[in-house]
Amino acid sequence: MTTATARISRPGHTAAKPARTAKSRERALAWARRAPLLPALLFLIVVTQLPFVVTLIISFLNWNSLSPTKTAFAGLENYVTVLTDPDLRQAIVTTIVLTVSVVLASLLIGLGLALLLDKKFIGRGLARTLLIAPFLVVPVAAALIWKHALLNPAYGLVNGILTWIWSLFGSSTPPQLDLLSQAPLAAVVVSLVWQWTPFMMLILLAGLQSRPMDTVEAAQMDGATPWAIFRHLTLPHLRQYLELGGLLGAIYIVQNFDSVFTLTAGGLGTANLPYAIYQTFYYANEYGLASAAGVVVVIGTIVVATFALRTVFSLFKKEAAR
């Protein structure tokens, strides 16, 4: 018996060949589905991942552009400086305070607006459009609006309203509120809350509209008060949406640069970590130190994004289980 004959007569050989052919077809179809995405994937790698790798390499160097001949390997020295330098450490604290305050305020106000817009009333569509508008404004333009049109002590709308209210009581010396110099960090927080509240409102409104209304109606028929329904039914249902909004908002706000740069230029204790990186890179010309601070921001963002993705996946599973 020849080798070919023995191979053909071997038990299961005839069935194995079609199985391998089927697997090959499935693999070819899978690559055919992925092939259109390869250019986008390559573009994403070139635009995002390669610069990050270069930044990571630079973060381990002692590199000052004013002394390019003295560039040397620094190890973890730049990262130690980021965590121990008083200015950079203060920038980290400012970033945390700014992010937490903006996220919490935006969530609370967004929850209140979402509860209002969940009710049926005349002009609800127009109200939704107007409330979403701040989120559609370019961040630099939004900061300029707050700096000049609203908070300017000489001709801003806030002082204009205060002057008008003060004049109703017959006083000739109205108070002049200069929030940008008296409470600069609060001014940055207010501008960011104004811009990010619509984002939180949209997420929470989507959560409210996905509530099981039969349960709510049953609770109303049993005599439950609106506060009891909100506390025991609505709020537990919105927990994951609150987490998602908070995590997504934190990802973006921790990287905020526009508002700090436009409103206060990082002065009076408002310099967050992105602005401190800008100062370190462009003014101090410390490329290695700035890159290390940037890597710290990226690591913090990745940690928050991981929790955000877990929340999104849990929401998808919950919707799929219905």
C-alpha atoms as a PDB file:
ATOM      1  CA  MET A   1       0.000   0.000   0.000  1.00  0.00           C
ATOM      2  CA  THR A   2       1.400   3.404  -0.956  1.00  0.00           C
ATOM      3  CA  THR A   3       1.742   6.298   1.436  1.00  0.00           C
ATOM      4  CA  ALA A   4      -1.029   8.269  -0.304  1.00  0.00           C
ATOM      5  CA  THR A   5      -3.360   5.277  -0.156  1.00  0.00           C
ATOM      6  CA  ALA A   6      -2.598   4.757   3.514  1.00  0.00           C
ATOM      7  CA  ARG A   7      -3.266   8.425   4.235  1.00  0.00           C
ATOM      8  CA  ILE A   8      -6.617   8.287   2.441  1.00  0.00           C
ATOM      9  CA  SER A   9      -7.648   5.083   4.109  1.00  0.00           C
ATOM     10  CA  ARG A  10      -6.775   6.419   7.546  1.00  0.00           C
ATOM     11  CA  PRO A  11      -9.961   6.753   9.688  1.00  0.00           C
ATOM     12  CA  GLY A  12     -11.299  10.316  10.003  1.00  0.00           C
ATOM     13  CA  HIS A  13      -8.980  11.722   7.334  1.00  0.00           C
ATOM     14  CA  THR A  14     -11.832  12.386   4.912  1.00  0.00           C
ATOM     15  CA  ALA A  15     -13.864  14.248   7.577  1.00  0.00           C
ATOM     16  CA  ALA A  16     -10.859  16.258   8.788  1.00  0.00           C
ATOM     17  CA  LYS A  17     -10.217  17.832   5.404  1.00  0.00           C
ATOM     18  CA  PRO A  18     -13.680  19.487   5.057  1.00  0.00           C
ATOM     19  CA  ALA A  19     -13.376  20.679   8.670  1.00  0.00           C
ATOM     20  CA  ARG A  20     -10.063  22.374   7.909  1.00  0.00           C
ATOM     21  CA  THR A  21     -11.604  23.878   4.773  1.00  0.00           C
ATOM     22  CA  ALA A  22     -14.519  25.279   6.774  1.00  0.00           C
ATOM     23  CA  LYS A  23     -12.148  26.804   9.332  1.00  0.00           C
ATOM     24  CA  SER A  24     -10.129  28.363   6.520  1.00  0.00           C
ATOM     25  CA  ARG A  25     -13.268  29.894   5.059  1.00  0.00           C
ATOM     26  CA  GLU A  26     -14.314  31.285   8.438  1.00  0.00           C
ATOM     27  CA  ARG A  27     -10.854  32.750   8.950  1.00  0.00           C
ATOM     28  CA  ALA A  28     -10.919  34.297   5.468  1.00  0.00           C
ATOM     29  CA  LEU A  29     -14.387  35.786   6.092  1.00  0.00           C
ATOM     30  CA  ALA A  30     -13.228  37.192   9.431  1.00  0.00           C
ATOM     31  CA  TRP A  31     -10.250  38.901   7.787  1.00  0.00           C
ATOM     32  CA  ALA A  32     -12.513  40.141   4.979  1.00  0.00           C
ATOM     33  CA  ARG A  33     -14.714  41.834   7.601  1.00  0.00           C
ATOM     34  CA  ARG A  34     -11.700  43.334   9.375  1.00  0.00           C
ATOM     35  CA  ALA A  35      -9.838  44.467   6.264  1.00  0.00           C
ATOM     36  CA  PRO A  36     -11.837  47.721   5.787  1.00  0.00           C
ATOM     37  CA  LEU A  37     -10.936  48.687   9.372  1.00  0.00           C
ATOM     38  CA  LEU A  38      -7.186  48.185   8.936  1.00  0.00           C
ATOM     39  CA  PRO A  39      -6.489  51.656   7.403  1.00  0.00           C
ATOM     40  CA  ALA A  40      -8.316  53.335  10.292  1.00  0.00           C
ATOM     41  CA  LEU A  41      -6.439  51.164  12.779  1.00  0.00           C
ATOM     42  CA  LEU A  42      -3.082  52.001  11.210  1.00  0.00           C
ATOM     43  CA  PHE A  43      -3.980  55.701  11.184  1.00  0.00           C
ATOM     44  CA  LEU A  44      -4.964  55.520  14.862  1.00  0.00           C
ATOM     45  CA  ILE A  45      -1.687  53.804  15.773  1.00  0.00           C
ATOM     46  CA  VAL A  46       0.400  56.353  13.858  1.00  0.00           C
ATOM     47  CA  VAL A  47      -1.472  59.363  15.264  1.00  0.00           C
ATOM     48  CA  THR A  48      -1.863  58.280  18.910  1.00  0.00           C
ATOM     49  CA  GLN A  49       0.315  55.346  19.883  1.00  0.00           C
ATOM     50  CA  LEU A  50       3.593  56.273  18.205  1.00  0.00           C
ATOM     51  CA  PRO A  51       3.625  59.798  19.741  1.00  0.00           C
ATOM     52  CA  PHE A  52       2.893  58.259  23.138  1.00  0.00           C
ATOM     53  CA  VAL A  53       5.789  55.816  22.744  1.00  0.00           C
ATOM     54  CA  VAL A  54       8.078  58.725  21.825  1.00  0.00           C
ATOM     55  CA  THR A  55       6.797  60.689  24.837  1.00  0.00           C
ATOM     56  CA  LEU A  56       7.428  57.685  27.058  1.00  0.00           C
ATOM     57  CA  ILE A  57      11.023  57.440  25.810  1.00  0.00           C
ATOM     58  CA  ILE A  58      11.639  61.172  26.290  1.00  0.00           C
ATOM     59  CA  SER A  59      10.253  60.971  29.843  1.00  0.00           C
ATOM     60  CA  PHE A  60      13.300  58.906  30.832  1.00  0.00           C
ATOM     61  CA  LEU A  61      15.729  61.510  29.481  1.00  0.00           C
ATOM     62  CA  ASN A  62      17.229  64.589  31.080  1.00  0.00           C
ATOM     63  CA  TRP A  63      16.588  66.830  28.067  1.00  0.00           C
ATOM     64  CA  ASN A  64      16.537  70.629  28.085  1.00  0.00           C
ATOM     65  CA  SER A  65      16.322  72.279  24.681  1.00  0.00           C
ATOM     66  CA  LEU A  66      18.538  75.143  25.904  1.00  0.00           C
ATOM     67  CA  SER A  67      21.360  72.619  26.481  1.00  0.00           C
ATOM     68  CA  PRO A  68      20.825  69.971  23.785  1.00  0.00           C
ATOM     69  CA  THR A  69      24.383  68.628  24.101  1.00  0.00           C
ATOM     70  CA  LYS A  70      23.815  67.643  27.746  1.00  0.00           C
ATOM     71  CA  THR A  71      20.950  65.227  27.047  1.00  0.00           C
ATOM     72  CA  ALA A  72      21.361  62.050  29.112  1.00  0.00           C
ATOM     73  CA  PHE A  73      19.429  59.112  30.488  1.00  0.00           C
ATOM     74  CA  ALA A  74      17.653  60.116  33.717  1.00  0.00           C
ATOM     75  CA  GLY A  75      15.860  56.914  34.691  1.00  0.00           C
ATOM     76  CA  LEU A  76      12.921  57.600  37.012  1.00  0.00           C
ATOM     77  CA  GLU A  77      14.278  60.990  38.090  1.00  0.00           C
ATOM     78  CA  ASN A  78      11.683  62.938  36.087  1.00  0.00           C
ATOM     79  CA  TYR A  79       8.811  60.961  37.623  1.00  0.00           C
ATOM     80  CA  VAL A  80      10.187  61.529  41.115  1.00  0.00           C
ATOM     81  CA  THR A  81      10.369  65.254  40.342  1.00  0.00           C
ATOM     82  CA  VAL A  82       6.749  65.286  39.165  1.00  0.00           C
ATOM     83  CA  LEU A  83       5.623  63.810  42.496  1.00  0.00           C
ATOM     84  CA  THR A  84       7.945  65.825  44.743  1.00  0.00           C
ATOM     85  CA  ASP A  85       8.300  69.247  43.096  1.00  0.00           C
ATOM     86  CA  PRO A  86       6.046  71.695  45.018  1.00  0.00           C
ATOM     87  CA  ASP A  87       4.651  73.379  41.897  1.00  0.00           C
ATOM     88  CA  LEU A  88       3.892  70.149  40.060  1.00  0.00           C
ATOM     89  CA  ARG A  89       2.483  68.555  43.207  1.00  0.00           C
ATOM     90  CA  GLN A  90       0.216  71.564  43.680  1.00  0.00           C
ATOM     91  CA  ALA A  91      -0.836  71.219  40.045  1.00  0.00           C
ATOM     92  CA  ILE A  92      -1.840  67.601  40.737  1.00  0.00           C
ATOM     93  CA  VAL A  93      -3.896  68.697  43.758  1.00  0.00           C
ATOM     94  CA  THR A  94      -5.540  71.470  41.722  1.00  0.00           C
ATOM     95  CA  THR A  95      -6.376  68.956  38.983  1.00  0.00           C
ATOM     96  CA  ILE A  96      -8.049  66.642  41.495  1.00  0.00           C
ATOM     97  CA  VAL A  97     -10.015  69.477  43.146  1.00  0.00           C
ATOM     98  CA  LEU A  98     -11.081  70.889  39.782  1.00  0.00           C
ATOM     99  CA  THR A  99     -12.151  67.511  38.411  1.00  0.00           C
ATOM    100  CA  VAL A 100     -14.069  66.379  41.497  1.00  0.00           C
ATOM    101  CA  SER A 101     -15.895  69.689  42.000  1.00  0.00           C
ATOM    102  CA  VAL A 102     -16.888  70.038  38.334  1.00  0.00           C
ATOM    103  CA  VAL A 103     -18.055  66.419  38.035  1.00  0.00           C
ATOM    104  CA  LEU A 104     -20.118  66.501  41.243  1.00  0.00           C
ATOM    105  CA  ALA A 105     -21.727  69.877  40.488  1.00  0.00           C
ATOM    106  CA  SER A 106     -22.469  68.890  36.884  1.00  0.00           C
ATOM    107  CA  LEU A 107     -24.021  65.599  37.988  1.00  0.00           C
ATOM    108  CA  LEU A 108     -26.271  67.235  40.594  1.00  0.00           C
ATOM    109  CA  ILE A 109     -27.474  70.018  38.297  1.00  0.00           C
ATOM    110  CA  GLY A 110     -27.752  67.615  35.361  1.00  0.00           C
ATOM    111  CA  LEU A 111     -29.870  65.258  37.476  1.00  0.00           C
ATOM    112  CA  GLY A 112     -32.237  68.069  38.386  1.00  0.00           C
ATOM    113  CA  LEU A 113     -32.577  69.185  34.765  1.00  0.00           C
ATOM    114  CA  ALA A 114     -33.054  65.596  33.577  1.00  0.00           C
ATOM    115  CA  LEU A 115     -35.879  65.092  36.090  1.00  0.00           C
ATOM    116  CA  LEU A 116     -37.555  68.275  34.831  1.00  0.00           C
ATOM    117  CA  LEU A 117     -37.159  67.391  31.150  1.00  0.00           C
ATOM    118  CA  ASP A 118     -38.516  63.908  31.780  1.00  0.00           C
ATOM    119  CA  LYS A 119     -41.904  65.506  32.445  1.00  0.00           C
ATOM    120  CA  LYS A 120     -44.235  66.329  29.560  1.00  0.00           C
ATOM    121  CA  PHE A 121     -44.882  70.040  29.041  1.00  0.00           C
ATOM    122  CA  ILE A 122     -45.326  72.464  26.171  1.00  0.00           C
ATOM    123  CA  GLY A 123     -42.005  73.462  24.606  1.00  0.00           C
ATOM    124  CA  ARG A 124     -40.049  70.525  26.019  1.00  0.00           C
ATOM    125  CA  GLY A 125     -38.187  70.026  22.724  1.00  0.00           C
ATOM    126  CA  LEU A 126     -37.116  73.679  22.643  1.00  0.00           C
ATOM    127  CA  ALA A 127     -36.031  73.523  26.294  1.00  0.00           C
ATOM    128  CA  ARG A 128     -33.896  70.463  25.593  1.00  0.00           C
ATOM    129  CA  THR A 129     -32.244  72.160  22.630  1.00  0.00           C
ATOM    130  CA  LEU A 130     -31.445  75.298  24.623  1.00  0.00           C
ATOM    131  CA  LEU A 131     -30.047  73.315  27.549  1.00  0.00           C
ATOM    132  CA  ILE A 132     -27.840  71.207  25.282  1.00  0.00           C
ATOM    133  CA  ALA A 133     -26.404  74.302  23.542  1.00  0.00           C
ATOM    134  CA  PRO A 134     -23.578  75.028  26.072  1.00  0.00           C
ATOM    135  CA  PHE A 135     -22.049  71.611  25.435  1.00  0.00           C
ATOM    136  CA  LEU A 136     -21.862  72.377  21.705  1.00  0.00           C
ATOM    137  CA  VAL A 137     -19.842  75.569  22.205  1.00  0.00           C
ATOM    138  CA  VAL A 138     -16.115  75.335  21.459  1.00  0.00           C
ATOM    139  CA  PRO A 139     -14.252  75.194  24.831  1.00  0.00           C
ATOM    140  CA  VAL A 140     -12.102  78.259  24.096  1.00  0.00           C
ATOM    141  CA  ALA A 141     -15.159  80.223  22.970  1.00  0.00           C
ATOM    142  CA  ALA A 142     -17.032  79.176  26.127  1.00  0.00           C
ATOM    143  CA  ALA A 143     -14.126  80.356  28.289  1.00  0.00           C
ATOM    144  CA  LEU A 144     -14.013  83.677  26.423  1.00  0.00           C
ATOM    145  CA  ILE A 145     -17.753  84.135  26.965  1.00  0.00           C
ATOM    146  CA  TRP A 146     -17.313  83.696  30.701  1.00  0.00           C
ATOM    147  CA  LYS A 147     -14.198  85.859  30.854  1.00  0.00           C
ATOM    148  CA  HIS A 148     -15.514  88.863  28.928  1.00  0.00           C
ATOM    149  CA  ALA A 149     -19.299  88.700  28.569  1.00  0.00           C
ATOM    150  CA  LEU A 150     -20.181  87.376  32.012  1.00  0.00           C
ATOM    151  CA  LEU A 151     -17.428  87.805  34.613  1.00  0.00           C
ATOM    152  CA  ASN A 152     -15.704  90.979  33.486  1.00  0.00           C
ATOM    153  CA  PRO A 153     -15.859  93.392  36.477  1.00  0.00           C
ATOM    154  CA  ALA A 154     -16.335  96.477  34.272  1.00  0.00           C
ATOM    155  CA  TYR A 155     -18.933  95.436  31.684  1.00  0.00           C
ATOM    156  CA  GLY A 156     -19.816  91.799  32.478  1.00  0.00           C
ATOM    157  CA  LEU A 157     -23.400  90.598  32.708  1.00  0.00           C
ATOM    158  CA  VAL A 158     -23.020  89.370  36.297  1.00  0.00           C
ATOM    159  CA  ASN A 159     -21.996  92.789  37.614  1.00  0.00           C
ATOM    160  CA  GLY A 160     -24.637  94.413  35.437  1.00  0.00           C
ATOM    161  CA  ILE A 161     -27.363  92.341  37.075  1.00  0.00           C
ATOM    162  CA  LEU A 162     -25.925  93.055  40.549  1.00  0.00           C
ATOM    163  CA  THR A 163     -25.865  96.779  39.791  1.00  0.00           C
ATOM    164  CA  TRP A 164     -29.479  96.678  38.611  1.00  0.00           C
ATOM    165  CA  ILE A 165     -30.618  94.750  41.711  1.00  0.00           C
ATOM    166  CA  TRP A 166     -28.651  97.115  43.961  1.00  0.00           C
ATOM    167  CA  SER A 167     -30.255 100.130  42.309  1.00  0.00           C
ATOM    168  CA  LEU A 168     -33.716  98.822  43.196  1.00  0.00           C
ATOM    169  CA  PHE A 169     -32.829  99.387  46.855  1.00  0.00           C
ATOM    170  CA  GLY A 170     -31.688 102.947  46.181  1.00  0.00           C
ATOM    171  CA  SER A 171     -27.974 102.473  46.761  1.00  0.00           C
ATOM    172  CA  SER A 172     -25.482 104.426  44.649  1.00  0.00           C
ATOM    173  CA  THR A 173     -22.490 102.183  45.354  1.00  0.00           C
ATOM    174  CA  PRO A 174     -23.254  98.680  44.037  1.00  0.00           C
ATOM    175  CA  PRO A 175     -20.773  95.907  44.830  1.00  0.00           C
ATOM    176  CA  GLN A 176     -18.296  95.003  42.103  1.00  0.00           C
ATOM    177  CA  LEU A 177     -17.766  91.250  41.926  1.00  0.00           C
ATOM    178  CA  ASP A 178     -14.428  90.290  40.350  1.00  0.00           C
ATOM    179  CA  LEU A 179     -14.571  86.516  40.488  1.00  0.00           C
ATOM    180  CA  LEU A 180     -11.545  86.078  38.216  1.00  0.00           C
ATOM    181  CA  SER A 181      -9.232  87.720  40.748  1.00  0.00           C
ATOM    182  CA  GLN A 182     -11.082  87.094  44.026  1.00  0.00           C
ATOM    183  CA  ALA A 183     -11.912  83.409  43.446  1.00  0.00           C
ATOM    184  CA  PRO A 184     -10.211  82.331  40.207  1.00  0.00           C
ATOM    185  CA  LEU A 185     -10.534  78.587  40.752  1.00  0.00           C
ATOM    186  CA  ALA A 186     -14.258  79.017  41.405  1.00  0.00           C
ATOM    187  CA  ALA A 187     -14.528  80.956  38.128  1.00  0.00           C
ATOM    188  CA  VAL A 188     -12.930  78.056  36.237  1.00  0.00           C
ATOM    189  CA  VAL A 189     -15.240  75.585  37.994  1.00  0.00           C
ATOM    190  CA  VAL A 190     -18.334  77.634  37.128  1.00  0.00           C
ATOM    191  CA  SER A 191     -17.418  77.864  33.443  1.00  0.00           C
ATOM    192  CA  LEU A 192     -16.738  74.124  33.224  1.00  0.00           C
ATOM    193  CA  VAL A 193     -19.935  73.241  35.097  1.00  0.00           C
ATOM    194  CA  TRP A 194     -21.901  75.397  32.648  1.00  0.00           C
ATOM    195  CA  GLN A 195     -20.357  73.523  29.735  1.00  0.00           C
ATOM    196  CA  TRP A 196     -20.504  69.956  31.107  1.00  0.00           C
ATOM    197  CA  THR A 197     -23.921  69.967  32.792  1.00  0.00           C
ATOM    198  CA  PRO A 198     -25.732  69.304  29.456  1.00  0.00           C
ATOM    199  CA  PHE A 199     -23.546  66.236  28.919  1.00  0.00           C
ATOM    200  CA  MET A 200     -24.527  64.805  32.305  1.00  0.00           C
ATOM    201  CA  MET A 201     -28.149  65.757  31.688  1.00  0.00           C
ATOM    202  CA  LEU A 202     -28.265  63.800  28.423  1.00  0.00           C
ATOM    203  CA  ILE A 203     -26.853  60.645  30.006  1.00  0.00           C
ATOM    204  CA  LEU A 204     -29.208  60.824  32.996  1.00  0.00           C
ATOM    205  CA  LEU A 205     -32.194  61.651  30.775  1.00  0.00           C
ATOM    206  CA  ALA A 206     -31.471  58.517  28.762  1.00  0.00           C
ATOM    207  CA  GLY A 207     -31.402  56.578  32.027  1.00  0.00           C
ATOM    208  CA  LEU A 208     -34.719  58.048  33.151  1.00  0.00           C
ATOM    209  CA  GLN A 209     -36.398  57.129  29.878  1.00  0.00           C
ATOM    210  CA  SER A 210     -35.212  53.521  30.226  1.00  0.00           C
ATOM    211  CA  ARG A 211     -36.938  53.028  33.583  1.00  0.00           C
ATOM    212  CA  PRO A 212     -39.486  50.208  33.863  1.00  0.00           C
ATOM    213  CA  MET A 213     -42.601  52.361  34.092  1.00  0.00           C
ATOM    214  CA  ASP A 214     -44.818  49.478  35.190  1.00  0.00           C
ATOM    215  CA  THR A 215     -42.905  49.363  38.483  1.00  0.00           C
ATOM    216  CA  VAL A 216     -43.266  53.122  38.946  1.00  0.00           C
ATOM    217  CA  GLU A 217     -46.996  52.986  38.203  1.00  0.00           C
ATOM    218  CA  ALA A 218     -47.436  50.110  40.647  1.00  0.00           C
ATOM    219  CA  ALA A 219     -45.672  52.135  43.353  1.00  0.00           C
ATOM    220  CA  GLN A 220     -47.919  55.132  42.644  1.00  0.00           C
ATOM    221  CA  MET A 221     -51.023  52.972  42.917  1.00  0.00           C
ATOM    222  CA  ASP A 222     -49.774  51.687  46.267  1.00  0.00           C
ATOM    223  CA  GLY A 223     -49.594  55.277  47.527  1.00  0.00           C
ATOM    224  CA  ALA A 224     -45.837  55.876  47.350  1.00  0.00           C
ATOM    225  CA  THR A 225     -44.820  59.527  47.495  1.00  0.00           C
ATOM    226  CA  PRO A 226     -42.740  61.087  44.660  1.00  0.00           C
ATOM    227  CA  TRP A 227     -39.735  61.281  46.997  1.00  0.00           C
ATOM    228  CA  ALA A 228     -40.070  57.592  47.915  1.00  0.00           C
ATOM    229  CA  ILE A 229     -40.298  56.635  44.230  1.00  0.00           C
ATOM    230  CA  PHE A 230     -37.217  58.716  43.459  1.00  0.00           C
ATOM    231  CA  ARG A 231     -35.245  57.343  46.408  1.00  0.00           C
ATOM    232  CA  HIS A 232     -36.107  53.653  46.111  1.00  0.00           C
ATOM    233  CA  LEU A 233     -36.749  53.219  42.365  1.00  0.00           C
ATOM    234  CA  THR A 234     -35.349  56.043  40.248  1.00  0.00           C
ATOM    235  CA  LEU A 235     -32.043  56.625  42.045  1.00  0.00           C
ATOM    236  CA  PRO A 236     -30.999  52.931  42.164  1.00  0.00           C
ATOM    237  CA  HIS A 237     -31.845  52.648  38.466  1.00  0.00           C
ATOM    238  CA  LEU A 238     -29.735  55.729  37.687  1.00  0.00           C
ATOM    239  CA  ARG A 239     -26.721  54.535  39.687  1.00  0.00           C
ATOM    240  CA  GLN A 240     -24.857  53.137  36.693  1.00  0.00           C
ATOM    241  CA  TYR A 241     -25.735  56.175  34.587  1.00  0.00           C
ATOM    242  CA  LEU A 242     -24.415  58.444  37.323  1.00  0.00           C
ATOM    243  CA  GLU A 243     -21.210  56.414  37.426  1.00  0.00           C
ATOM    244  CA  LEU A 244     -20.881  56.546  33.641  1.00  0.00           C
ATOM    245  CA  GLY A 245     -21.421  60.303  33.510  1.00  0.00           C
ATOM    246  CA  GLY A 246     -18.983  60.908  36.341  1.00  0.00           C
ATOM    247  CA  LEU A 247     -16.267  58.715  34.835  1.00  0.00           C
ATOM    248  CA  LEU A 248     -16.600  60.116  31.312  1.00  0.00           C
ATOM    249  CA  GLY A 249     -16.672  63.664  32.654  1.00  0.00           C
ATOM    250  CA  ALA A 250     -13.568  62.995  34.754  1.00  0.00           C
ATOM    251  CA  ILE A 251     -11.698  61.660  31.692  1.00  0.00           C
ATOM    252  CA  TYR A 252     -12.228  64.915  29.835  1.00  0.00           C
ATOM    253  CA  ILE A 253     -12.006  67.413  32.689  1.00  0.00           C
ATOM    254  CA  VAL A 254      -8.741  65.994  34.054  1.00  0.00           C
ATOM    255  CA  GLN A 255      -7.206  66.951  30.693  1.00  0.00           C
ATOM    256  CA  ASN A 256      -8.782  70.412  30.571  1.00  0.00           C
ATOM    257  CA  PHE A 257      -6.458  73.138  29.355  1.00  0.00           C
ATOM    258  CA  ASP A 258      -8.638  75.640  27.508  1.00  0.00           C
ATOM    259  CA  SER A 259     -10.519  77.126  30.460  1.00  0.00           C
ATOM    260  CA  VAL A 260      -7.455  77.495  32.690  1.00  0.00           C
ATOM    261  CA  PHE A 261      -5.392  79.034  29.901  1.00  0.00           C
ATOM    262  CA  THR A 262      -8.124  81.437  28.760  1.00  0.00           C
ATOM    263  CA  LEU A 263      -9.614  82.522  32.083  1.00  0.00           C
ATOM    264  CA  THR A 264      -6.623  82.782  34.431  1.00  0.00           C
ATOM    265  CA  ALA A 265      -3.507  81.779  32.444  1.00  0.00           C
ATOM    266  CA  GLY A 266      -2.726  79.405  35.296  1.00  0.00           C
ATOM    267  CA  GLY A 267      -2.282  82.188  37.823  1.00  0.00           C
ATOM    268  CA  LEU A 268      -3.512  82.494  41.412  1.00  0.00           C
ATOM    269  CA  GLY A 269      -3.346  78.774  42.119  1.00  0.00           C
ATOM    270  CA  THR A 270      -5.418  77.610  39.139  1.00  0.00           C
ATOM    271  CA  ALA A 271      -2.648  75.824  37.209  1.00  0.00           C
ATOM    272  CA  ASN A 272      -3.712  72.210  36.773  1.00  0.00           C
ATOM    273  CA  LEU A 273      -1.402  69.464  35.532  1.00  0.00           C
ATOM    274  CA  PRO A 274      -2.033  69.998  31.774  1.00  0.00           C
ATOM    275  CA  TYR A 275      -1.227  73.692  32.169  1.00  0.00           C
ATOM    276  CA  ALA A 276       1.835  72.873  34.276  1.00  0.00           C
ATOM    277  CA  ILE A 277       3.001  70.578  31.459  1.00  0.00           C
ATOM    278  CA  TYR A 278       2.547  73.461  29.030  1.00  0.00           C
ATOM    279  CA  GLN A 279       4.627  75.762  31.230  1.00  0.00           C
ATOM    280  CA  THR A 280       7.338  73.126  31.762  1.00  0.00           C
ATOM    281  CA  PHE A 281       7.606  72.412  28.048  1.00  0.00           C
ATOM    282  CA  TYR A 282       7.369  75.884  26.504  1.00  0.00           C
ATOM    283  CA  TYR A 283       8.802  78.137  29.200  1.00  0.00           C
ATOM    284  CA  ALA A 284      11.237  75.942  31.130  1.00  0.00           C
ATOM    285  CA  ASN A 285      12.126  73.926  27.990  1.00  0.00           C
ATOM    286  CA  GLU A 286      12.331  70.767  30.114  1.00  0.00           C
ATOM    287  CA  TYR A 287      11.199  68.203  27.577  1.00  0.00           C
ATOM    288  CA  GLY A 288      11.914  65.148  29.738  1.00  0.00           C
ATOM    289  CA  LEU A 289      10.100  66.507  32.799  1.00  0.00           C
ATOM    290  CA  ALA A 290       7.112  67.667  30.737  1.00  0.00           C
ATOM    291  CA  SER A 291       6.889  64.252  29.072  1.00  0.00           C
ATOM    292  CA  ALA A 292       6.942  62.503  32.458  1.00  0.00           C
ATOM    293  CA  ALA A 293       4.104  64.721  33.693  1.00  0.00           C
ATOM    294  CA  GLY A 294       2.181  63.942  30.502  1.00  0.00           C
ATOM    295  CA  VAL A 295       2.619  60.213  31.064  1.00  0.00           C
ATOM    296  CA  VAL A 296       1.249  60.641  34.603  1.00  0.00           C
ATOM    297  CA  VAL A 297      -1.861  62.321  33.155  1.00  0.00           C
ATOM    298  CA  VAL A 298      -2.283  59.523  30.610  1.00  0.00           C
ATOM    299  CA  ILE A 299      -1.959  56.833  33.294  1.00  0.00           C
ATOM    300  CA  GLY A 300      -4.583  58.556  35.443  1.00  0.00           C
ATOM    301  CA  THR A 301      -6.885  58.876  32.438  1.00  0.00           C
ATOM    302  CA  ILE A 302      -6.454  55.200  31.546  1.00  0.00           C
ATOM    303  CA  VAL A 303      -7.366  54.168  35.096  1.00  0.00           C
ATOM    304  CA  VAL A 304     -10.564  56.233  34.970  1.00  0.00           C
ATOM    305  CA  ALA A 305     -11.344  55.048  31.429  1.00  0.00           C
ATOM    306  CA  THR A 306     -11.062  51.412  32.540  1.00  0.00           C
ATOM    307  CA  PHE A 307     -13.814  51.911  35.109  1.00  0.00           C
ATOM    308  CA  ALA A 308     -15.879  53.812  32.515  1.00  0.00           C
ATOM    309  CA  LEU A 309     -15.626  50.935  30.042  1.00  0.00           C
ATOM    310  CA  ARG A 310     -16.664  48.450  32.705  1.00  0.00           C
ATOM    311  CA  THR A 311     -19.721  50.574  33.452  1.00  0.00           C
ATOM    312  CA  VAL A 312     -20.600  50.808  29.761  1.00  0.00           C
ATOM    313  CA  PHE A 313     -20.300  47.039  29.315  1.00  0.00           C
ATOM    314  CA  SER A 314     -22.452  46.399  32.369  1.00  0.00           C
ATOM    315  CA  LEU A 315     -25.130  48.730  30.933  1.00  0.00           C
ATOM    316  CA  PHE A 316     -24.996  46.890  27.602  1.00  0.00           C
ATOM    317  CA  LYS A 317     -25.393  43.552  29.353  1.00  0.00           C
ATOM    318  CA  LYS A 318     -28.304  44.905  31.363  1.00  0.00           C
ATOM    319  CA  GLU A 319     -30.069  46.158  28.227  1.00  0.00           C
ATOM    320  CA  ALA A 320     -29.386  42.890  26.373  1.00  0.00           C
ATOM    321  CA  ALA A 321     -30.854  40.876  29.253  1.00  0.00           C
ATOM    322  CA  ARG A 322     -34.232  42.653  28.942  1.00  0.00           C
END
